[in-house]
Amino acid sequence: MNRQVDKIRRRLKRKKHIRKTVSGTALRPRMTVFRSNRHMYVQVVDDKLGHTLASAGTVEEELKALKNCVEDAEKLGMEIGKRCLDKNIEMVVFDRNGYKYHGIVKSIAEGARKAGVKF
């Protein structure tokens, strides 16, 4: 089997295991991270209603200058944290989406904490 396919399957297996326990509510929505080879995306989701409450990604015009690296991931985390606080969301549940908690994923979480969002 292709090594890349195995890597994706392992991530999806971890994701499935995490999503069994992590769920967002109106009081404490779920902040989920997705990263591709070129871009990073963060969403804050209320799973009870199925609504996205806030989102940020490097495909947006004002965030287009951010690269897919650890330093810029922290800036993206600060941006999503600021957007959450604008919508009166102070506490979230962090969903790493099957990725290991280091590098870009960790930087996004730390940036959101610096902005004032609590996990």
PDB file of N, CA and C in Angstrom:
ATOM      1  N   MET A   1       0.852  -1.179   0.000  1.00  0.00           N
ATOM      2  CA  MET A   1       0.000   0.000   0.000  1.00  0.00           C
ATOM      3  C   MET A   1       0.897   1.240   0.000  1.00  0.00           C
ATOM      4  N   ASN A   2       0.404   2.279  -0.595  1.00  0.00           N
ATOM      5  CA  ASN A   2       1.134   3.529  -0.691  1.00  0.00           C
ATOM      6  C   ASN A   2       1.323   4.139   0.694  1.00  0.00           C
ATOM      7  N   ARG A   3       2.502   4.637   0.973  1.00  0.00           N
ATOM      8  CA  ARG A   3       2.813   5.190   2.290  1.00  0.00           C
ATOM      9  C   ARG A   3       1.954   6.410   2.612  1.00  0.00           C
ATOM     10  N   GLN A   4       1.720   7.253   1.619  1.00  0.00           N
ATOM     11  CA  GLN A   4       0.908   8.454   1.833  1.00  0.00           C
ATOM     12  C   GLN A   4      -0.536   8.079   2.184  1.00  0.00           C
ATOM     13  N   VAL A   5      -1.073   7.067   1.543  1.00  0.00           N
ATOM     14  CA  VAL A   5      -2.432   6.620   1.832  1.00  0.00           C
ATOM     15  C   VAL A   5      -2.512   6.081   3.259  1.00  0.00           C
ATOM     16  N   ASP A   6      -1.494   5.330   3.685  1.00  0.00           N
ATOM     17  CA  ASP A   6      -1.453   4.817   5.052  1.00  0.00           C
ATOM     18  C   ASP A   6      -1.423   5.950   6.064  1.00  0.00           C
ATOM     19  N   LYS A   7      -0.668   6.990   5.766  1.00  0.00           N
ATOM     20  CA  LYS A   7      -0.558   8.138   6.663  1.00  0.00           C
ATOM     21  C   LYS A   7      -1.918   8.825   6.824  1.00  0.00           C
ATOM     22  N   ILE A   8      -2.627   8.986   5.719  1.00  0.00           N
ATOM     23  CA  ILE A   8      -3.951   9.618   5.764  1.00  0.00           C
ATOM     24  C   ILE A   8      -4.931   8.732   6.523  1.00  0.00           C
ATOM     25  N   ARG A   9      -4.869   7.428   6.308  1.00  0.00           N
ATOM     26  CA  ARG A   9      -5.768   6.507   7.026  1.00  0.00           C
ATOM     27  C   ARG A   9      -5.529   6.542   8.528  1.00  0.00           C
ATOM     28  N   ARG A  10      -4.270   6.625   8.929  1.00  0.00           N
ATOM     29  CA  ARG A  10      -3.977   6.696  10.361  1.00  0.00           C
ATOM     30  C   ARG A  10      -4.523   7.988  10.962  1.00  0.00           C
ATOM     31  N   ARG A  11      -4.397   9.107  10.236  1.00  0.00           N
ATOM     32  CA  ARG A  11      -4.923  10.380  10.723  1.00  0.00           C
ATOM     33  C   ARG A  11      -6.436  10.306  10.851  1.00  0.00           C
ATOM     34  N   LEU A  12      -7.108   9.721   9.873  1.00  0.00           N
ATOM     35  CA  LEU A  12      -8.559   9.615   9.925  1.00  0.00           C
ATOM     36  C   LEU A  12      -9.021   8.691  11.053  1.00  0.00           C
ATOM     37  N   LYS A  13      -8.231   7.670  11.348  1.00  0.00           N
ATOM     38  CA  LYS A  13      -8.546   6.788  12.469  1.00  0.00           C
ATOM     39  C   LYS A  13      -8.428   7.539  13.790  1.00  0.00           C
ATOM     40  N   ARG A  14      -7.369   8.342  13.935  1.00  0.00           N
ATOM     41  CA  ARG A  14      -7.222   9.167  15.143  1.00  0.00           C
ATOM     42  C   ARG A  14      -8.352  10.175  15.238  1.00  0.00           C
ATOM     43  N   LYS A  15      -8.720  10.763  14.105  1.00  0.00           N
ATOM     44  CA  LYS A  15      -9.799  11.749  14.072  1.00  0.00           C
ATOM     45  C   LYS A  15     -11.113  11.137  14.558  1.00  0.00           C
ATOM     46  N   LYS A  16     -11.409   9.948  14.091  1.00  0.00           N
ATOM     47  CA  LYS A  16     -12.631   9.255  14.485  1.00  0.00           C
ATOM     48  C   LYS A  16     -12.648   8.992  15.991  1.00  0.00           C
ATOM     49  N   HIS A  17     -11.520   8.585  16.531  1.00  0.00           N
ATOM     50  CA  HIS A  17     -11.409   8.324  17.958  1.00  0.00           C
ATOM     51  C   HIS A  17     -11.604   9.611  18.774  1.00  0.00           C
ATOM     52  N   ILE A  18     -11.034  10.708  18.299  1.00  0.00           N
ATOM     53  CA  ILE A  18     -11.151  11.994  19.004  1.00  0.00           C
ATOM     54  C   ILE A  18     -12.588  12.500  18.962  1.00  0.00           C
ATOM     55  N   ARG A  19     -13.237  12.386  17.815  1.00  0.00           N
ATOM     56  CA  ARG A  19     -14.585  12.938  17.650  1.00  0.00           C
ATOM     57  C   ARG A  19     -15.641  12.165  18.445  1.00  0.00           C
ATOM     58  N   LYS A  20     -15.296  10.972  18.944  1.00  0.00           N
ATOM     59  CA  LYS A  20     -16.220  10.259  19.807  1.00  0.00           C
ATOM     60  C   LYS A  20     -16.442  11.023  21.110  1.00  0.00           C
ATOM     61  N   THR A  21     -15.413  11.705  21.579  1.00  0.00           N
ATOM     62  CA  THR A  21     -15.491  12.385  22.866  1.00  0.00           C
ATOM     63  C   THR A  21     -15.603  13.892  22.757  1.00  0.00           C
ATOM     64  N   VAL A  22     -15.038  14.495  21.724  1.00  0.00           N
ATOM     65  CA  VAL A  22     -15.019  15.952  21.586  1.00  0.00           C
ATOM     66  C   VAL A  22     -16.232  16.402  20.791  1.00  0.00           C
ATOM     67  N   SER A  23     -17.030  17.262  21.414  1.00  0.00           N
ATOM     68  CA  SER A  23     -18.208  17.799  20.746  1.00  0.00           C
ATOM     69  C   SER A  23     -18.412  19.235  21.202  1.00  0.00           C
ATOM     70  N   GLY A  24     -18.869  20.084  20.298  1.00  0.00           N
ATOM     71  CA  GLY A  24     -19.069  21.480  20.618  1.00  0.00           C
ATOM     72  C   GLY A  24     -20.513  21.791  20.929  1.00  0.00           C
ATOM     73  N   THR A  25     -20.722  22.696  21.873  1.00  0.00           N
ATOM     74  CA  THR A  25     -22.051  23.158  22.227  1.00  0.00           C
ATOM     75  C   THR A  25     -22.098  24.664  22.033  1.00  0.00           C
ATOM     76  N   ALA A  26     -23.245  25.260  22.314  1.00  0.00           N
ATOM     77  CA  ALA A  26     -23.362  26.706  22.179  1.00  0.00           C
ATOM     78  C   ALA A  26     -22.491  27.418  23.220  1.00  0.00           C
ATOM     79  N   LEU A  27     -22.383  26.847  24.418  1.00  0.00           N
ATOM     80  CA  LEU A  27     -21.573  27.462  25.460  1.00  0.00           C
ATOM     81  C   LEU A  27     -20.080  27.250  25.244  1.00  0.00           C
ATOM     82  N   ARG A  28     -19.734  26.092  24.684  1.00  0.00           N
ATOM     83  CA  ARG A  28     -18.328  25.766  24.466  1.00  0.00           C
ATOM     84  C   ARG A  28     -18.177  25.079  23.109  1.00  0.00           C
ATOM     85  N   PRO A  29     -18.092  25.867  22.030  1.00  0.00           N
ATOM     86  CA  PRO A  29     -18.004  25.276  20.692  1.00  0.00           C
ATOM     87  C   PRO A  29     -16.652  24.598  20.446  1.00  0.00           C
ATOM     88  N   ARG A  30     -16.605  23.848  19.376  1.00  0.00           N
ATOM     89  CA  ARG A  30     -15.405  23.085  19.007  1.00  0.00           C
ATOM     90  C   ARG A  30     -14.587  23.880  18.002  1.00  0.00           C
ATOM     91  N   MET A  31     -13.298  24.062  18.308  1.00  0.00           N
ATOM     92  CA  MET A  31     -12.377  24.720  17.377  1.00  0.00           C
ATOM     93  C   MET A  31     -11.596  23.628  16.662  1.00  0.00           C
ATOM     94  N   THR A  32     -11.808  23.504  15.370  1.00  0.00           N
ATOM     95  CA  THR A  32     -11.175  22.447  14.601  1.00  0.00           C
ATOM     96  C   THR A  32     -10.168  23.034  13.612  1.00  0.00           C
ATOM     97  N   VAL A  33      -9.098  22.287  13.377  1.00  0.00           N
ATOM     98  CA  VAL A  33      -7.991  22.716  12.537  1.00  0.00           C
ATOM     99  C   VAL A  33      -7.880  21.783  11.347  1.00  0.00           C
ATOM    100  N   PHE A  34      -7.667  22.345  10.168  1.00  0.00           N
ATOM    101  CA  PHE A  34      -7.342  21.544   8.998  1.00  0.00           C
ATOM    102  C   PHE A  34      -6.158  22.195   8.310  1.00  0.00           C
ATOM    103  N   ARG A  35      -5.210  21.377   7.922  1.00  0.00           N
ATOM    104  CA  ARG A  35      -4.063  21.917   7.197  1.00  0.00           C
ATOM    105  C   ARG A  35      -3.821  21.089   5.951  1.00  0.00           C
ATOM    106  N   SER A  36      -3.572  21.776   4.875  1.00  0.00           N
ATOM    107  CA  SER A  36      -3.213  21.108   3.636  1.00  0.00           C
ATOM    108  C   SER A  36      -1.750  21.425   3.354  1.00  0.00           C
ATOM    109  N   ASN A  37      -1.270  21.063   2.197  1.00  0.00           N
ATOM    110  CA  ASN A  37       0.122  21.367   1.875  1.00  0.00           C
ATOM    111  C   ASN A  37       0.355  22.860   1.687  1.00  0.00           C
ATOM    112  N   ARG A  38      -0.673  23.596   1.283  1.00  0.00           N
ATOM    113  CA  ARG A  38      -0.515  25.027   1.018  1.00  0.00           C
ATOM    114  C   ARG A  38      -1.196  25.932   2.027  1.00  0.00           C
ATOM    115  N   HIS A  39      -2.282  25.495   2.615  1.00  0.00           N
ATOM    116  CA  HIS A  39      -3.095  26.389   3.436  1.00  0.00           C
ATOM    117  C   HIS A  39      -3.440  25.782   4.790  1.00  0.00           C
ATOM    118  N   MET A  40      -3.875  26.665   5.697  1.00  0.00           N
ATOM    119  CA  MET A  40      -4.345  26.276   7.026  1.00  0.00           C
ATOM    120  C   MET A  40      -5.741  26.861   7.206  1.00  0.00           C
ATOM    121  N   TYR A  41      -6.613  26.113   7.844  1.00  0.00           N
ATOM    122  CA  TYR A  41      -7.981  26.546   8.082  1.00  0.00           C
ATOM    123  C   TYR A  41      -8.348  26.260   9.532  1.00  0.00           C
ATOM    124  N   VAL A  42      -9.118  27.159  10.140  1.00  0.00           N
ATOM    125  CA  VAL A  42      -9.606  26.961  11.496  1.00  0.00           C
ATOM    126  C   VAL A  42     -11.076  27.338  11.511  1.00  0.00           C
ATOM    127  N   GLN A  43     -11.903  26.494  12.130  1.00  0.00           N
ATOM    128  CA  GLN A  43     -13.330  26.772  12.264  1.00  0.00           C
ATOM    129  C   GLN A  43     -13.744  26.592  13.711  1.00  0.00           C
ATOM    130  N   VAL A  44     -14.713  27.394  14.133  1.00  0.00           N
ATOM    131  CA  VAL A  44     -15.333  27.228  15.436  1.00  0.00           C
ATOM    132  C   VAL A  44     -16.767  26.807  15.159  1.00  0.00           C
ATOM    133  N   VAL A  45     -17.134  25.598  15.621  1.00  0.00           N
ATOM    134  CA  VAL A  45     -18.379  24.960  15.217  1.00  0.00           C
ATOM    135  C   VAL A  45     -19.244  24.633  16.431  1.00  0.00           C
ATOM    136  N   ASP A  46     -20.536  24.901  16.313  1.00  0.00           N
ATOM    137  CA  ASP A  46     -21.526  24.433  17.282  1.00  0.00           C
ATOM    138  C   ASP A  46     -22.114  23.149  16.714  1.00  0.00           C
ATOM    139  N   ASP A  47     -21.748  22.009  17.296  1.00  0.00           N
ATOM    140  CA  ASP A  47     -22.174  20.717  16.756  1.00  0.00           C
ATOM    141  C   ASP A  47     -23.643  20.424  17.008  1.00  0.00           C
ATOM    142  N   LYS A  48     -24.225  21.015  18.026  1.00  0.00           N
ATOM    143  CA  LYS A  48     -25.642  20.768  18.316  1.00  0.00           C
ATOM    144  C   LYS A  48     -26.522  21.290  17.188  1.00  0.00           C
ATOM    145  N   LEU A  49     -26.205  22.502  16.695  1.00  0.00           N
ATOM    146  CA  LEU A  49     -26.974  23.104  15.604  1.00  0.00           C
ATOM    147  C   LEU A  49     -26.363  22.848  14.233  1.00  0.00           C
ATOM    148  N   GLY A  50     -25.084  22.480  14.212  1.00  0.00           N
ATOM    149  CA  GLY A  50     -24.411  22.251  12.945  1.00  0.00           C
ATOM    150  C   GLY A  50     -24.019  23.536  12.244  1.00  0.00           C
ATOM    151  N   HIS A  51     -23.728  24.590  13.024  1.00  0.00           N
ATOM    152  CA  HIS A  51     -23.379  25.891  12.457  1.00  0.00           C
ATOM    153  C   HIS A  51     -21.913  26.221  12.705  1.00  0.00           C
ATOM    154  N   THR A  52     -21.302  26.867  11.723  1.00  0.00           N
ATOM    155  CA  THR A  52     -19.966  27.419  11.897  1.00  0.00           C
ATOM    156  C   THR A  52     -20.121  28.817  12.460  1.00  0.00           C
ATOM    157  N   LEU A  53     -19.546  29.053  13.628  1.00  0.00           N
ATOM    158  CA  LEU A  53     -19.696  30.335  14.302  1.00  0.00           C
ATOM    159  C   LEU A  53     -18.621  31.330  13.880  1.00  0.00           C
ATOM    160  N   ALA A  54     -17.415  30.849  13.642  1.00  0.00           N
ATOM    161  CA  ALA A  54     -16.316  31.708  13.189  1.00  0.00           C
ATOM    162  C   ALA A  54     -15.348  30.846  12.398  1.00  0.00           C
ATOM    163  N   SER A  55     -14.656  31.476  11.473  1.00  0.00           N
ATOM    164  CA  SER A  55     -13.671  30.733  10.689  1.00  0.00           C
ATOM    165  C   SER A  55     -12.565  31.667  10.231  1.00  0.00           C
ATOM    166  N   ALA A  56     -11.417  31.082   9.951  1.00  0.00           N
ATOM    167  CA  ALA A  56     -10.286  31.822   9.398  1.00  0.00           C
ATOM    168  C   ALA A  56      -9.451  30.831   8.600  1.00  0.00           C
ATOM    169  N   GLY A  57      -8.876  31.319   7.540  1.00  0.00           N
ATOM    170  CA  GLY A  57      -8.040  30.462   6.710  1.00  0.00           C
ATOM    171  C   GLY A  57      -7.091  31.303   5.877  1.00  0.00           C
ATOM    172  N   THR A  58      -6.026  30.696   5.439  1.00  0.00           N
ATOM    173  CA  THR A  58      -5.030  31.430   4.674  1.00  0.00           C
ATOM    174  C   THR A  58      -5.464  31.668   3.231  1.00  0.00           C
ATOM    175  N   VAL A  59      -6.667  31.262   2.856  1.00  0.00           N
ATOM    176  CA  VAL A  59      -7.180  31.562   1.529  1.00  0.00           C
ATOM    177  C   VAL A  59      -7.942  32.887   1.510  1.00  0.00           C
ATOM    178  N   GLU A  60      -8.218  33.436   2.696  1.00  0.00           N
ATOM    179  CA  GLU A  60      -8.911  34.727   2.770  1.00  0.00           C
ATOM    180  C   GLU A  60      -7.975  35.843   2.334  1.00  0.00           C
ATOM    181  N   GLU A  61      -8.557  36.911   1.820  1.00  0.00           N
ATOM    182  CA  GLU A  61      -7.766  37.991   1.241  1.00  0.00           C
ATOM    183  C   GLU A  61      -6.821  38.641   2.253  1.00  0.00           C
ATOM    184  N   GLU A  62      -7.306  38.902   3.474  1.00  0.00           N
ATOM    185  CA  GLU A  62      -6.457  39.581   4.465  1.00  0.00           C
ATOM    186  C   GLU A  62      -5.432  38.643   5.108  1.00  0.00           C
ATOM    187  N   LEU A  63      -5.611  37.336   4.972  1.00  0.00           N
ATOM    188  CA  LEU A  63      -4.672  36.366   5.543  1.00  0.00           C
ATOM    189  C   LEU A  63      -3.864  35.644   4.481  1.00  0.00           C
ATOM    190  N   LYS A  64      -3.969  36.091   3.242  1.00  0.00           N
ATOM    191  CA  LYS A  64      -3.314  35.417   2.130  1.00  0.00           C
ATOM    192  C   LYS A  64      -1.784  35.449   2.226  1.00  0.00           C
ATOM    193  N   ALA A  65      -1.237  36.443   2.920  1.00  0.00           N
ATOM    194  CA  ALA A  65       0.215  36.571   3.038  1.00  0.00           C
ATOM    195  C   ALA A  65       0.817  35.533   3.974  1.00  0.00           C
ATOM    196  N   LEU A  66      -0.012  34.890   4.803  1.00  0.00           N
ATOM    197  CA  LEU A  66       0.497  33.891   5.740  1.00  0.00           C
ATOM    198  C   LEU A  66       0.873  32.614   5.001  1.00  0.00           C
ATOM    199  N   LYS A  67       2.018  32.079   5.365  1.00  0.00           N
ATOM    200  CA  LYS A  67       2.484  30.831   4.761  1.00  0.00           C
ATOM    201  C   LYS A  67       2.133  29.665   5.675  1.00  0.00           C
ATOM    202  N   ASN A  68       2.332  28.475   5.200  1.00  0.00           N
ATOM    203  CA  ASN A  68       2.030  27.264   5.959  1.00  0.00           C
ATOM    204  C   ASN A  68       3.243  26.902   6.815  1.00  0.00           C
ATOM    205  N   CYS A  69       3.522  27.739   7.841  1.00  0.00           N
ATOM    206  CA  CYS A  69       4.656  27.503   8.722  1.00  0.00           C
ATOM    207  C   CYS A  69       4.248  27.801  10.160  1.00  0.00           C
ATOM    208  N   VAL A  70       5.093  27.450  11.099  1.00  0.00           N
ATOM    209  CA  VAL A  70       4.764  27.549  12.517  1.00  0.00           C
ATOM    210  C   VAL A  70       4.546  28.998  12.950  1.00  0.00           C
ATOM    211  N   GLU A  71       5.387  29.925  12.466  1.00  0.00           N
ATOM    212  CA  GLU A  71       5.273  31.327  12.873  1.00  0.00           C
ATOM    213  C   GLU A  71       3.951  31.931  12.398  1.00  0.00           C
ATOM    214  N   ASP A  72       3.584  31.648  11.166  1.00  0.00           N
ATOM    215  CA  ASP A  72       2.338  32.196  10.632  1.00  0.00           C
ATOM    216  C   ASP A  72       1.119  31.472  11.187  1.00  0.00           C
ATOM    217  N   ALA A  73       1.290  30.238  11.628  1.00  0.00           N
ATOM    218  CA  ALA A  73       0.179  29.515  12.241  1.00  0.00           C
ATOM    219  C   ALA A  73      -0.239  30.187  13.544  1.00  0.00           C
ATOM    220  N   GLU A  74       0.720  30.719  14.283  1.00  0.00           N
ATOM    221  CA  GLU A  74       0.388  31.435  15.513  1.00  0.00           C
ATOM    222  C   GLU A  74      -0.406  32.704  15.197  1.00  0.00           C
ATOM    223  N   LYS A  75      -0.052  33.378  14.111  1.00  0.00           N
ATOM    224  CA  LYS A  75      -0.808  34.572  13.696  1.00  0.00           C
ATOM    225  C   LYS A  75      -2.239  34.199  13.304  1.00  0.00           C
ATOM    226  N   LEU A  76      -2.395  33.065  12.640  1.00  0.00           N
ATOM    227  CA  LEU A  76      -3.737  32.587  12.289  1.00  0.00           C
ATOM    228  C   LEU A  76      -4.531  32.259  13.548  1.00  0.00           C
ATOM    229  N   GLY A  77      -3.875  31.662  14.530  1.00  0.00           N
ATOM    230  CA  GLY A  77      -4.520  31.372  15.800  1.00  0.00           C
ATOM    231  C   GLY A  77      -4.955  32.635  16.517  1.00  0.00           C
ATOM    232  N   MET A  78      -4.134  33.670  16.465  1.00  0.00           N
ATOM    233  CA  MET A  78      -4.507  34.945  17.092  1.00  0.00           C
ATOM    234  C   MET A  78      -5.693  35.569  16.361  1.00  0.00           C
ATOM    235  N   GLU A  79      -5.736  35.422  15.057  1.00  0.00           N
ATOM    236  CA  GLU A  79      -6.856  35.967  14.277  1.00  0.00           C
ATOM    237  C   GLU A  79      -8.163  35.258  14.605  1.00  0.00           C
ATOM    238  N   ILE A  80      -8.138  33.930  14.681  1.00  0.00           N
ATOM    239  CA  ILE A  80      -9.369  33.207  15.015  1.00  0.00           C
ATOM    240  C   ILE A  80      -9.766  33.498  16.456  1.00  0.00           C
ATOM    241  N   GLY A  81      -8.790  33.681  17.335  1.00  0.00           N
ATOM    242  CA  GLY A  81      -9.096  34.052  18.714  1.00  0.00           C
ATOM    243  C   GLY A  81      -9.770  35.402  18.795  1.00  0.00           C
ATOM    244  N   LYS A  82      -9.301  36.342  17.998  1.00  0.00           N
ATOM    245  CA  LYS A  82      -9.902  37.678  17.970  1.00  0.00           C
ATOM    246  C   LYS A  82     -11.325  37.614  17.420  1.00  0.00           C
ATOM    247  N   ARG A  83     -11.538  36.800  16.385  1.00  0.00           N
ATOM    248  CA  ARG A  83     -12.880  36.662  15.814  1.00  0.00           C
ATOM    249  C   ARG A  83     -13.835  35.985  16.798  1.00  0.00           C
ATOM    250  N   CYS A  84     -13.314  35.042  17.577  1.00  0.00           N
ATOM    251  CA  CYS A  84     -14.152  34.395  18.593  1.00  0.00           C
ATOM    252  C   CYS A  84     -14.569  35.389  19.665  1.00  0.00           C
ATOM    253  N   LEU A  85     -13.618  36.186  20.127  1.00  0.00           N
ATOM    254  CA  LEU A  85     -13.936  37.153  21.167  1.00  0.00           C
ATOM    255  C   LEU A  85     -14.897  38.219  20.668  1.00  0.00           C
ATOM    256  N   ASP A  86     -14.830  38.555  19.379  1.00  0.00           N
ATOM    257  CA  ASP A  86     -15.790  39.503  18.799  1.00  0.00           C
ATOM    258  C   ASP A  86     -17.212  38.954  18.847  1.00  0.00           C
ATOM    259  N   LYS A  87     -17.339  37.632  18.787  1.00  0.00           N
ATOM    260  CA  LYS A  87     -18.662  36.987  18.835  1.00  0.00           C
ATOM    261  C   LYS A  87     -18.989  36.450  20.223  1.00  0.00           C
ATOM    262  N   ASN A  88     -18.266  36.927  21.240  1.00  0.00           N
ATOM    263  CA  ASN A  88     -18.480  36.557  22.644  1.00  0.00           C
ATOM    264  C   ASN A  88     -18.284  35.065  22.901  1.00  0.00           C
ATOM    265  N   ILE A  89     -17.333  34.460  22.217  1.00  0.00           N
ATOM    266  CA  ILE A  89     -16.967  33.066  22.465  1.00  0.00           C
ATOM    267  C   ILE A  89     -15.647  33.093  23.224  1.00  0.00           C
ATOM    268  N   GLU A  90     -15.695  32.735  24.501  1.00  0.00           N
ATOM    269  CA  GLU A  90     -14.501  32.814  25.340  1.00  0.00           C
ATOM    270  C   GLU A  90     -13.882  31.456  25.616  1.00  0.00           C
ATOM    271  N   MET A  91     -14.692  30.390  25.577  1.00  0.00           N
ATOM    272  CA  MET A  91     -14.187  29.043  25.838  1.00  0.00           C
ATOM    273  C   MET A  91     -14.526  28.127  24.668  1.00  0.00           C
ATOM    274  N   VAL A  92     -13.552  27.327  24.259  1.00  0.00           N
ATOM    275  CA  VAL A  92     -13.768  26.368  23.177  1.00  0.00           C
ATOM    276  C   VAL A  92     -13.162  25.035  23.561  1.00  0.00           C
ATOM    277  N   VAL A  93     -13.544  24.004  22.829  1.00  0.00           N
ATOM    278  CA  VAL A  93     -12.929  22.688  22.916  1.00  0.00           C
ATOM    279  C   VAL A  93     -12.044  22.552  21.692  1.00  0.00           C
ATOM    280  N   PHE A  94     -10.782  22.217  21.879  1.00  0.00           N
ATOM    281  CA  PHE A  94      -9.851  22.158  20.757  1.00  0.00           C
ATOM    282  C   PHE A  94      -9.887  20.780  20.118  1.00  0.00           C
ATOM    283  N   ASP A  95     -10.125  20.744  18.813  1.00  0.00           N
ATOM    284  CA  ASP A  95     -10.147  19.506  18.040  1.00  0.00           C
ATOM    285  C   ASP A  95      -8.971  19.549  17.074  1.00  0.00           C
ATOM    286  N   ARG A  96      -7.965  18.724  17.331  1.00  0.00           N
ATOM    287  CA  ARG A  96      -6.775  18.733  16.487  1.00  0.00           C
ATOM    288  C   ARG A  96      -6.985  17.970  15.191  1.00  0.00           C
ATOM    289  N   ASN A  97      -8.160  17.371  15.022  1.00  0.00           N
ATOM    290  CA  ASN A  97      -8.574  16.766  13.768  1.00  0.00           C
ATOM    291  C   ASN A  97      -7.684  15.595  13.341  1.00  0.00           C
ATOM    292  N   GLY A  98      -7.139  14.884  14.313  1.00  0.00           N
ATOM    293  CA  GLY A  98      -6.317  13.724  13.998  1.00  0.00           C
ATOM    294  C   GLY A  98      -4.849  14.033  13.807  1.00  0.00           C
ATOM    295  N   TYR A  99      -4.483  15.306  13.756  1.00  0.00           N
ATOM    296  CA  TYR A  99      -3.078  15.675  13.611  1.00  0.00           C
ATOM    297  C   TYR A  99      -2.395  15.568  14.963  1.00  0.00           C
ATOM    298  N   LYS A 100      -1.102  15.345  14.951  1.00  0.00           N
ATOM    299  CA  LYS A 100      -0.348  15.332  16.191  1.00  0.00           C
ATOM    300  C   LYS A 100      -0.268  16.761  16.729  1.00  0.00           C
ATOM    301  N   TYR A 101      -0.265  16.882  18.053  1.00  0.00           N
ATOM    302  CA  TYR A 101      -0.269  18.204  18.675  1.00  0.00           C
ATOM    303  C   TYR A 101       1.166  18.720  18.772  1.00  0.00           C
ATOM    304  N   HIS A 102       1.679  19.174  17.656  1.00  0.00           N
ATOM    305  CA  HIS A 102       2.973  19.838  17.609  1.00  0.00           C
ATOM    306  C   HIS A 102       3.039  20.623  16.321  1.00  0.00           C
ATOM    307  N   GLY A 103       4.013  21.481  16.213  1.00  0.00           N
ATOM    308  CA  GLY A 103       4.196  22.253  14.994  1.00  0.00           C
ATOM    309  C   GLY A 103       3.066  23.226  14.749  1.00  0.00           C
ATOM    310  N   ILE A 104       2.469  23.143  13.577  1.00  0.00           N
ATOM    311  CA  ILE A 104       1.442  24.088  13.140  1.00  0.00           C
ATOM    312  C   ILE A 104       0.207  24.013  14.030  1.00  0.00           C
ATOM    313  N   VAL A 105      -0.233  22.824  14.366  1.00  0.00           N
ATOM    314  CA  VAL A 105      -1.445  22.664  15.178  1.00  0.00           C
ATOM    315  C   VAL A 105      -1.241  23.273  16.563  1.00  0.00           C
ATOM    316  N   LYS A 106      -0.094  23.039  17.150  1.00  0.00           N
ATOM    317  CA  LYS A 106       0.223  23.593  18.466  1.00  0.00           C
ATOM    318  C   LYS A 106       0.312  25.115  18.404  1.00  0.00           C
ATOM    319  N   SER A 107       0.899  25.659  17.337  1.00  0.00           N
ATOM    320  CA  SER A 107       1.025  27.100  17.198  1.00  0.00           C
ATOM    321  C   SER A 107      -0.328  27.778  17.052  1.00  0.00           C
ATOM    322  N   ILE A 108      -1.254  27.151  16.342  1.00  0.00           N
ATOM    323  CA  ILE A 108      -2.599  27.710  16.206  1.00  0.00           C
ATOM    324  C   ILE A 108      -3.268  27.774  17.575  1.00  0.00           C
ATOM    325  N   ALA A 109      -3.131  26.710  18.361  1.00  0.00           N
ATOM    326  CA  ALA A 109      -3.725  26.684  19.695  1.00  0.00           C
ATOM    327  C   ALA A 109      -3.101  27.741  20.601  1.00  0.00           C
ATOM    328  N   GLU A 110      -1.789  27.887  20.551  1.00  0.00           N
ATOM    329  CA  GLU A 110      -1.116  28.882  21.380  1.00  0.00           C
ATOM    330  C   GLU A 110      -1.490  30.300  20.962  1.00  0.00           C
ATOM    331  N   GLY A 111      -1.645  30.529  19.665  1.00  0.00           N
ATOM    332  CA  GLY A 111      -2.067  31.848  19.190  1.00  0.00           C
ATOM    333  C   GLY A 111      -3.467  32.200  19.663  1.00  0.00           C
ATOM    334  N   ALA A 112      -4.358  31.233  19.650  1.00  0.00           N
ATOM    335  CA  ALA A 112      -5.721  31.474  20.128  1.00  0.00           C
ATOM    336  C   ALA A 112      -5.714  31.752  21.629  1.00  0.00           C
ATOM    337  N   ARG A 113      -4.848  31.045  22.367  1.00  0.00           N
ATOM    338  CA  ARG A 113      -4.741  31.314  23.813  1.00  0.00           C
ATOM    339  C   ARG A 113      -4.211  32.712  24.070  1.00  0.00           C
ATOM    340  N   LYS A 114      -3.236  33.142  23.269  1.00  0.00           N
ATOM    341  CA  LYS A 114      -2.692  34.495  23.434  1.00  0.00           C
ATOM    342  C   LYS A 114      -3.750  35.556  23.163  1.00  0.00           C
ATOM    343  N   ALA A 115      -4.656  35.252  22.258  1.00  0.00           N
ATOM    344  CA  ALA A 115      -5.732  36.205  21.942  1.00  0.00           C
ATOM    345  C   ALA A 115      -6.771  36.276  23.056  1.00  0.00           C
ATOM    346  N   GLY A 116      -6.790  35.267  23.949  1.00  0.00           N
ATOM    347  CA  GLY A 116      -7.719  35.304  25.082  1.00  0.00           C
ATOM    348  C   GLY A 116      -8.738  34.205  25.123  1.00  0.00           C
ATOM    349  N   VAL A 117      -8.700  33.272  24.195  1.00  0.00           N
ATOM    350  CA  VAL A 117      -9.652  32.152  24.186  1.00  0.00           C
ATOM    351  C   VAL A 117      -9.124  31.086  25.127  1.00  0.00           C
ATOM    352  N   LYS A 118     -10.017  30.526  25.943  1.00  0.00           N
ATOM    353  CA  LYS A 118      -9.615  29.488  26.891  1.00  0.00           C
ATOM    354  C   LYS A 118     -10.014  28.118  26.357  1.00  0.00           C
ATOM    355  N   PHE A 119      -9.171  27.126  26.641  1.00  0.00           N
ATOM    356  CA  PHE A 119      -9.443  25.756  26.216  1.00  0.00           C
ATOM    357  C   PHE A 119      -9.798  24.937  27.423  1.00  0.00           C
TER     358      PHE A 119
END
